[in-house]
Amino acid sequence: MFPWLRHLIGDGGYAGEKLRGALAELGRWTIEIVKRGDRAEGFVVLPQRRIVERSFAWL
């Protein structure tokens, strides 16, 4: 559906081998997981989080 898309950015909820395995079967994808620190409490602004949220809004 998006042949030009090769790099995905996701939050910590998508960390895991299941997603990486599924992407490997679909082609040459890379995924970057953006996690917040272990010491963080409540809402924390994360690098590239705005990009993820904006992409969801476009969809």
PDB file of N, CA and C in Angstrom:
ATOM      1  N   MET A   1       0.814  -1.197   0.000  1.00  0.00           N
ATOM      2  CA  MET A   1       0.000   0.000   0.000  1.00  0.00           C
ATOM      3  C   MET A   1       0.862   1.267   0.000  1.00  0.00           C
ATOM      4  N   PHE A   2       2.001   1.216   0.707  1.00  0.00           N
ATOM      5  CA  PHE A   2       2.925   2.340   0.744  1.00  0.00           C
ATOM      6  C   PHE A   2       4.317   1.847   0.371  1.00  0.00           C
ATOM      7  N   PRO A   3       4.610   1.650  -0.905  1.00  0.00           N
ATOM      8  CA  PRO A   3       5.889   1.059  -1.307  1.00  0.00           C
ATOM      9  C   PRO A   3       7.097   1.926  -0.966  1.00  0.00           C
ATOM     10  N   TRP A   4       6.910   3.207  -0.785  1.00  0.00           N
ATOM     11  CA  TRP A   4       8.016   4.105  -0.479  1.00  0.00           C
ATOM     12  C   TRP A   4       8.361   4.117   1.005  1.00  0.00           C
ATOM     13  N   LEU A   5       7.507   3.543   1.829  1.00  0.00           N
ATOM     14  CA  LEU A   5       7.714   3.552   3.268  1.00  0.00           C
ATOM     15  C   LEU A   5       8.593   2.381   3.681  1.00  0.00           C
ATOM     16  N   ARG A   6       9.701   2.656   4.374  1.00  0.00           N
ATOM     17  CA  ARG A   6      10.615   1.598   4.788  1.00  0.00           C
ATOM     18  C   ARG A   6      10.999   1.675   6.261  1.00  0.00           C
ATOM     19  N   HIS A   7      10.804   2.817   6.903  1.00  0.00           N
ATOM     20  CA  HIS A   7      11.203   2.993   8.305  1.00  0.00           C
ATOM     21  C   HIS A   7       9.975   3.365   9.115  1.00  0.00           C
ATOM     22  N   LEU A   8       9.708   2.589  10.164  1.00  0.00           N
ATOM     23  CA  LEU A   8       8.562   2.831  11.023  1.00  0.00           C
ATOM     24  C   LEU A   8       9.034   3.280  12.400  1.00  0.00           C
ATOM     25  N   ILE A   9       8.245   4.138  13.023  1.00  0.00           N
ATOM     26  CA  ILE A   9       8.521   4.599  14.373  1.00  0.00           C
ATOM     27  C   ILE A   9       7.317   4.233  15.225  1.00  0.00           C
ATOM     28  N   GLY A  10       7.562   3.563  16.341  1.00  0.00           N
ATOM     29  CA  GLY A  10       6.473   3.166  17.224  1.00  0.00           C
ATOM     30  C   GLY A  10       6.823   3.425  18.672  1.00  0.00           C
ATOM     31  N   ASP A  11       5.809   3.395  19.533  1.00  0.00           N
ATOM     32  CA  ASP A  11       6.098   3.583  20.953  1.00  0.00           C
ATOM     33  C   ASP A  11       6.374   2.240  21.612  1.00  0.00           C
ATOM     34  N   GLY A  12       6.632   2.254  22.901  1.00  0.00           N
ATOM     35  CA  GLY A  12       7.032   1.067  23.624  1.00  0.00           C
ATOM     36  C   GLY A  12       6.047  -0.077  23.560  1.00  0.00           C
ATOM     37  N   GLY A  13       4.787   0.213  23.288  1.00  0.00           N
ATOM     38  CA  GLY A  13       3.780  -0.837  23.182  1.00  0.00           C
ATOM     39  C   GLY A  13       4.008  -1.781  22.009  1.00  0.00           C
ATOM     40  N   TYR A  14       4.799  -1.360  21.049  1.00  0.00           N
ATOM     41  CA  TYR A  14       5.072  -2.179  19.871  1.00  0.00           C
ATOM     42  C   TYR A  14       6.423  -2.870  19.932  1.00  0.00           C
ATOM     43  N   ALA A  15       7.104  -2.764  21.048  1.00  0.00           N
ATOM     44  CA  ALA A  15       8.391  -3.434  21.201  1.00  0.00           C
ATOM     45  C   ALA A  15       8.158  -4.930  21.345  1.00  0.00           C
ATOM     46  N   GLY A  16       8.867  -5.704  20.599  1.00  0.00           N
ATOM     47  CA  GLY A  16       8.729  -7.154  20.705  1.00  0.00           C
ATOM     48  C   GLY A  16       9.069  -7.840  19.401  1.00  0.00           C
ATOM     49  N   GLU A  17       9.345  -9.092  19.510  1.00  0.00           N
ATOM     50  CA  GLU A  17       9.755  -9.874  18.346  1.00  0.00           C
ATOM     51  C   GLU A  17       8.590 -10.189  17.407  1.00  0.00           C
ATOM     52  N   LYS A  18       7.379 -10.191  17.919  1.00  0.00           N
ATOM     53  CA  LYS A  18       6.228 -10.519  17.075  1.00  0.00           C
ATOM     54  C   LYS A  18       6.082  -9.503  15.929  1.00  0.00           C
ATOM     55  N   LEU A  19       6.160  -8.222  16.245  1.00  0.00           N
ATOM     56  CA  LEU A  19       6.059  -7.188  15.209  1.00  0.00           C
ATOM     57  C   LEU A  19       7.259  -7.228  14.278  1.00  0.00           C
ATOM     58  N   ARG A  20       8.447  -7.369  14.825  1.00  0.00           N
ATOM     59  CA  ARG A  20       9.649  -7.429  13.984  1.00  0.00           C
ATOM     60  C   ARG A  20       9.590  -8.615  13.021  1.00  0.00           C
ATOM     61  N   GLY A  21       9.102  -9.750  13.509  1.00  0.00           N
ATOM     62  CA  GLY A  21       8.964 -10.926  12.650  1.00  0.00           C
ATOM     63  C   GLY A  21       7.963 -10.713  11.536  1.00  0.00           C
ATOM     64  N   ALA A  22       6.841 -10.075  11.870  1.00  0.00           N
ATOM     65  CA  ALA A  22       5.814  -9.803  10.855  1.00  0.00           C
ATOM     66  C   ALA A  22       6.338  -8.844   9.796  1.00  0.00           C
ATOM     67  N   LEU A  23       7.074  -7.830  10.200  1.00  0.00           N
ATOM     68  CA  LEU A  23       7.628  -6.881   9.243  1.00  0.00           C
ATOM     69  C   LEU A  23       8.687  -7.528   8.369  1.00  0.00           C
ATOM     70  N   ALA A  24       9.470  -8.431   8.930  1.00  0.00           N
ATOM     71  CA  ALA A  24      10.505  -9.118   8.158  1.00  0.00           C
ATOM     72  C   ALA A  24       9.885  -9.960   7.043  1.00  0.00           C
ATOM     73  N   GLU A  25       8.715 -10.511   7.294  1.00  0.00           N
ATOM     74  CA  GLU A  25       8.040 -11.313   6.270  1.00  0.00           C
ATOM     75  C   GLU A  25       7.476 -10.459   5.147  1.00  0.00           C
ATOM     76  N   LEU A  26       7.210  -9.182   5.419  1.00  0.00           N
ATOM     77  CA  LEU A  26       6.593  -8.305   4.426  1.00  0.00           C
ATOM     78  C   LEU A  26       7.596  -7.585   3.540  1.00  0.00           C
ATOM     79  N   GLY A  27       8.856  -7.573   3.918  1.00  0.00           N
ATOM     80  CA  GLY A  27       9.836  -6.879   3.093  1.00  0.00           C
ATOM     81  C   GLY A  27      10.939  -6.273   3.929  1.00  0.00           C
ATOM     82  N   ARG A  28      11.616  -5.310   3.340  1.00  0.00           N
ATOM     83  CA  ARG A  28      12.760  -4.662   4.000  1.00  0.00           C
ATOM     84  C   ARG A  28      12.277  -3.480   4.819  1.00  0.00           C
ATOM     85  N   TRP A  29      11.895  -3.732   6.036  1.00  0.00           N
ATOM     86  CA  TRP A  29      11.406  -2.706   6.942  1.00  0.00           C
ATOM     87  C   TRP A  29      12.374  -2.546   8.101  1.00  0.00           C
ATOM     88  N   THR A  30      12.465  -1.353   8.621  1.00  0.00           N
ATOM     89  CA  THR A  30      13.145  -1.121   9.884  1.00  0.00           C
ATOM     90  C   THR A  30      12.139  -0.473  10.823  1.00  0.00           C
ATOM     91  N   ILE A  31      12.256  -0.762  12.087  1.00  0.00           N
ATOM     92  CA  ILE A  31      11.364  -0.157  13.072  1.00  0.00           C
ATOM     93  C   ILE A  31      12.197   0.428  14.193  1.00  0.00           C
ATOM     94  N   GLU A  32      11.837   1.629  14.599  1.00  0.00           N
ATOM     95  CA  GLU A  32      12.497   2.315  15.701  1.00  0.00           C
ATOM     96  C   GLU A  32      11.476   2.454  16.823  1.00  0.00           C
ATOM     97  N   ILE A  33      11.785   1.888  17.971  1.00  0.00           N
ATOM     98  CA  ILE A  33      10.895   1.958  19.119  1.00  0.00           C
ATOM     99  C   ILE A  33      11.356   3.102  20.015  1.00  0.00           C
ATOM    100  N   VAL A  34      10.457   4.045  20.280  1.00  0.00           N
ATOM    101  CA  VAL A  34      10.753   5.183  21.137  1.00  0.00           C
ATOM    102  C   VAL A  34      10.151   4.881  22.506  1.00  0.00           C
ATOM    103  N   LYS A  35      11.021   4.735  23.505  1.00  0.00           N
ATOM    104  CA  LYS A  35      10.569   4.414  24.857  1.00  0.00           C
ATOM    105  C   LYS A  35      10.868   5.568  25.803  1.00  0.00           C
ATOM    106  N   ARG A  36      10.053   5.662  26.835  1.00  0.00           N
ATOM    107  CA  ARG A  36      10.341   6.656  27.864  1.00  0.00           C
ATOM    108  C   ARG A  36      11.225   6.022  28.926  1.00  0.00           C
ATOM    109  N   GLY A  37      11.892   6.843  29.685  1.00  0.00           N
ATOM    110  CA  GLY A  37      12.809   6.346  30.704  1.00  0.00           C
ATOM    111  C   GLY A  37      12.089   5.596  31.818  1.00  0.00           C
ATOM    112  N   ASP A  38      12.803   4.740  32.489  1.00  0.00           N
ATOM    113  CA  ASP A  38      12.228   3.964  33.585  1.00  0.00           C
ATOM    114  C   ASP A  38      11.820   4.842  34.765  1.00  0.00           C
ATOM    115  N   ARG A  39      12.473   5.952  34.919  1.00  0.00           N
ATOM    116  CA  ARG A  39      12.186   6.850  36.047  1.00  0.00           C
ATOM    117  C   ARG A  39      11.058   7.836  35.761  1.00  0.00           C
ATOM    118  N   ALA A  40      10.585   7.903  34.540  1.00  0.00           N
ATOM    119  CA  ALA A  40       9.563   8.871  34.164  1.00  0.00           C
ATOM    120  C   ALA A  40       8.213   8.498  34.763  1.00  0.00           C
ATOM    121  N   GLU A  41       7.505   9.514  35.224  1.00  0.00           N
ATOM    122  CA  GLU A  41       6.161   9.317  35.751  1.00  0.00           C
ATOM    123  C   GLU A  41       5.210  10.243  35.027  1.00  0.00           C
ATOM    124  N   GLY A  42       4.028   9.747  34.681  1.00  0.00           N
ATOM    125  CA  GLY A  42       3.050  10.569  33.986  1.00  0.00           C
ATOM    126  C   GLY A  42       3.443  10.799  32.533  1.00  0.00           C
ATOM    127  N   PHE A  43       2.929  11.865  31.965  1.00  0.00           N
ATOM    128  CA  PHE A  43       3.204  12.194  30.569  1.00  0.00           C
ATOM    129  C   PHE A  43       4.611  12.747  30.426  1.00  0.00           C
ATOM    130  N   VAL A  44       5.342  12.240  29.467  1.00  0.00           N
ATOM    131  CA  VAL A  44       6.695  12.698  29.180  1.00  0.00           C
ATOM    132  C   VAL A  44       6.812  12.906  27.678  1.00  0.00           C
ATOM    133  N   VAL A  45       7.331  14.059  27.270  1.00  0.00           N
ATOM    134  CA  VAL A  45       7.551  14.320  25.858  1.00  0.00           C
ATOM    135  C   VAL A  45       8.729  13.476  25.401  1.00  0.00           C
ATOM    136  N   LEU A  46       8.516  12.672  24.378  1.00  0.00           N
ATOM    137  CA  LEU A  46       9.558  11.781  23.873  1.00  0.00           C
ATOM    138  C   LEU A  46      10.011  12.233  22.497  1.00  0.00           C
ATOM    139  N   PRO A  47      11.277  11.963  22.165  1.00  0.00           N
ATOM    140  CA  PRO A  47      11.747  12.316  20.825  1.00  0.00           C
ATOM    141  C   PRO A  47      10.934  11.575  19.778  1.00  0.00           C
ATOM    142  N   GLN A  48      10.544  12.262  18.779  1.00  0.00           N
ATOM    143  CA  GLN A  48       9.818  11.745  17.614  1.00  0.00           C
ATOM    144  C   GLN A  48       8.404  11.281  17.944  1.00  0.00           C
ATOM    145  N   ARG A  49       7.924  11.480  19.156  1.00  0.00           N
ATOM    146  CA  ARG A  49       6.552  11.106  19.506  1.00  0.00           C
ATOM    147  C   ARG A  49       5.552  11.920  18.682  1.00  0.00           C
ATOM    148  N   ARG A  50       5.882  13.191  18.437  1.00  0.00           N
ATOM    149  CA  ARG A  50       5.010  14.052  17.652  1.00  0.00           C
ATOM    150  C   ARG A  50       4.814  13.488  16.245  1.00  0.00           C
ATOM    151  N   ILE A  51       5.863  12.910  15.687  1.00  0.00           N
ATOM    152  CA  ILE A  51       5.781  12.327  14.345  1.00  0.00           C
ATOM    153  C   ILE A  51       4.812  11.151  14.350  1.00  0.00           C
ATOM    154  N   VAL A  52       4.878  10.317  15.371  1.00  0.00           N
ATOM    155  CA  VAL A  52       3.991   9.160  15.467  1.00  0.00           C
ATOM    156  C   VAL A  52       2.550   9.615  15.593  1.00  0.00           C
ATOM    157  N   GLU A  53       2.294  10.547  16.500  1.00  0.00           N
ATOM    158  CA  GLU A  53       0.929  11.017  16.728  1.00  0.00           C
ATOM    159  C   GLU A  53       0.369  11.733  15.493  1.00  0.00           C
ATOM    160  N   ARG A  54       1.196  12.489  14.815  1.00  0.00           N
ATOM    161  CA  ARG A  54       0.755  13.181  13.607  1.00  0.00           C
ATOM    162  C   ARG A  54       0.407  12.178  12.514  1.00  0.00           C
ATOM    163  N   SER A  55       1.198  11.106  12.400  1.00  0.00           N
ATOM    164  CA  SER A  55       0.917  10.082  11.403  1.00  0.00           C
ATOM    165  C   SER A  55      -0.418   9.395  11.667  1.00  0.00           C
ATOM    166  N   PHE A  56      -0.711   9.099  12.953  1.00  0.00           N
ATOM    167  CA  PHE A  56      -2.010   8.527  13.295  1.00  0.00           C
ATOM    168  C   PHE A  56      -3.140   9.487  12.932  1.00  0.00           C
ATOM    169  N   ALA A  57      -2.932  10.775  13.164  1.00  0.00           N
ATOM    170  CA  ALA A  57      -3.956  11.771  12.825  1.00  0.00           C
ATOM    171  C   ALA A  57      -4.217  11.785  11.316  1.00  0.00           C
ATOM    172  N   TRP A  58      -3.185  11.664  10.509  1.00  0.00           N
ATOM    173  CA  TRP A  58      -3.364  11.651   9.054  1.00  0.00           C
ATOM    174  C   TRP A  58      -4.162  10.438   8.614  1.00  0.00           C
ATOM    175  N   LEU A  59      -3.929   9.299   9.283  1.00  0.00           N
ATOM    176  CA  LEU A  59      -4.655   8.093   8.895  1.00  0.00           C
ATOM    177  C   LEU A  59      -6.116   8.200   9.246  1.00  0.00           C
TER     178      LEU A  59
END
